[in-house]
Amino acid sequence: VWVIVLLYVLFPVILVNLDKALKKLKVGEFGCGLFSKVERS
């Protein structure tokens, strides 16, 4: 039973962390894209 409780507690935390990581990744990709554009010109 405690496994279900643990999952229930950790699931939102994992989702939030995943969301943050994805946002960081998107920002990183955007930054890299911007940087390569600046480098090319």
C-alpha atoms as a PDB file:
ATOM      1  CA  VAL A   1       0.000   0.000   0.000  1.00  0.00           C
ATOM      2  CA  TRP A   2       2.816   2.449   0.853  1.00  0.00           C
ATOM      3  CA  VAL A   3       4.135   2.161  -2.713  1.00  0.00           C
ATOM      4  CA  ILE A   4       0.862   3.602  -4.029  1.00  0.00           C
ATOM      5  CA  VAL A   5       1.001   6.389  -1.440  1.00  0.00           C
ATOM      6  CA  LEU A   6       4.617   7.102  -2.366  1.00  0.00           C
ATOM      7  CA  LEU A   7       3.735   7.261  -6.064  1.00  0.00           C
ATOM      8  CA  TYR A   8       0.755   9.478  -5.285  1.00  0.00           C
ATOM      9  CA  VAL A   9       3.021  11.872  -3.372  1.00  0.00           C
ATOM     10  CA  LEU A  10       5.968  11.781  -5.780  1.00  0.00           C
ATOM     11  CA  PHE A  11       4.010  11.931  -9.044  1.00  0.00           C
ATOM     12  CA  PRO A  12       3.239  15.700  -8.887  1.00  0.00           C
ATOM     13  CA  VAL A  13       6.832  16.417  -7.871  1.00  0.00           C
ATOM     14  CA  ILE A  14       8.144  14.397 -10.821  1.00  0.00           C
ATOM     15  CA  LEU A  15       5.707  16.146 -13.166  1.00  0.00           C
ATOM     16  CA  VAL A  16       6.791  19.587 -11.966  1.00  0.00           C
ATOM     17  CA  ASN A  17      10.475  18.682 -12.293  1.00  0.00           C
ATOM     18  CA  LEU A  18       9.858  17.249 -15.755  1.00  0.00           C
ATOM     19  CA  ASP A  19       8.035  20.430 -16.760  1.00  0.00           C
ATOM     20  CA  LYS A  20      10.929  22.563 -15.469  1.00  0.00           C
ATOM     21  CA  ALA A  21      13.459  20.381 -17.268  1.00  0.00           C
ATOM     22  CA  LEU A  22      11.502  20.606 -20.523  1.00  0.00           C
ATOM     23  CA  LYS A  23      11.276  24.383 -20.228  1.00  0.00           C
ATOM     24  CA  LYS A  24      15.029  24.581 -19.574  1.00  0.00           C
ATOM     25  CA  LEU A  25      15.630  22.337 -22.580  1.00  0.00           C
ATOM     26  CA  LYS A  26      13.429  24.522 -24.794  1.00  0.00           C
ATOM     27  CA  VAL A  27      15.168  27.672 -23.559  1.00  0.00           C
ATOM     28  CA  GLY A  28      18.524  25.984 -24.138  1.00  0.00           C
ATOM     29  CA  GLU A  29      17.572  24.967 -27.666  1.00  0.00           C
ATOM     30  CA  PHE A  30      16.319  28.474 -28.368  1.00  0.00           C
ATOM     31  CA  GLY A  31      19.534  29.958 -26.977  1.00  0.00           C
ATOM     32  CA  CYS A  32      21.665  27.610 -29.074  1.00  0.00           C
ATOM     33  CA  GLY A  33      19.628  28.429 -32.188  1.00  0.00           C
ATOM     34  CA  LEU A  34      20.022  32.139 -31.539  1.00  0.00           C
ATOM     35  CA  PHE A  35      23.748  31.716 -30.905  1.00  0.00           C
ATOM     36  CA  SER A  36      24.324  29.770 -34.140  1.00  0.00           C
ATOM     37  CA  LYS A  37      22.381  32.399 -36.097  1.00  0.00           C
ATOM     38  CA  VAL A  38      24.542  35.154 -34.623  1.00  0.00           C
ATOM     39  CA  GLU A  39      27.676  33.136 -35.378  1.00  0.00           C
ATOM     40  CA  ARG A  40      26.702  32.604 -39.027  1.00  0.00           C
ATOM     41  CA  SER A  41      25.992  36.257 -39.794  1.00  0.00           C
END
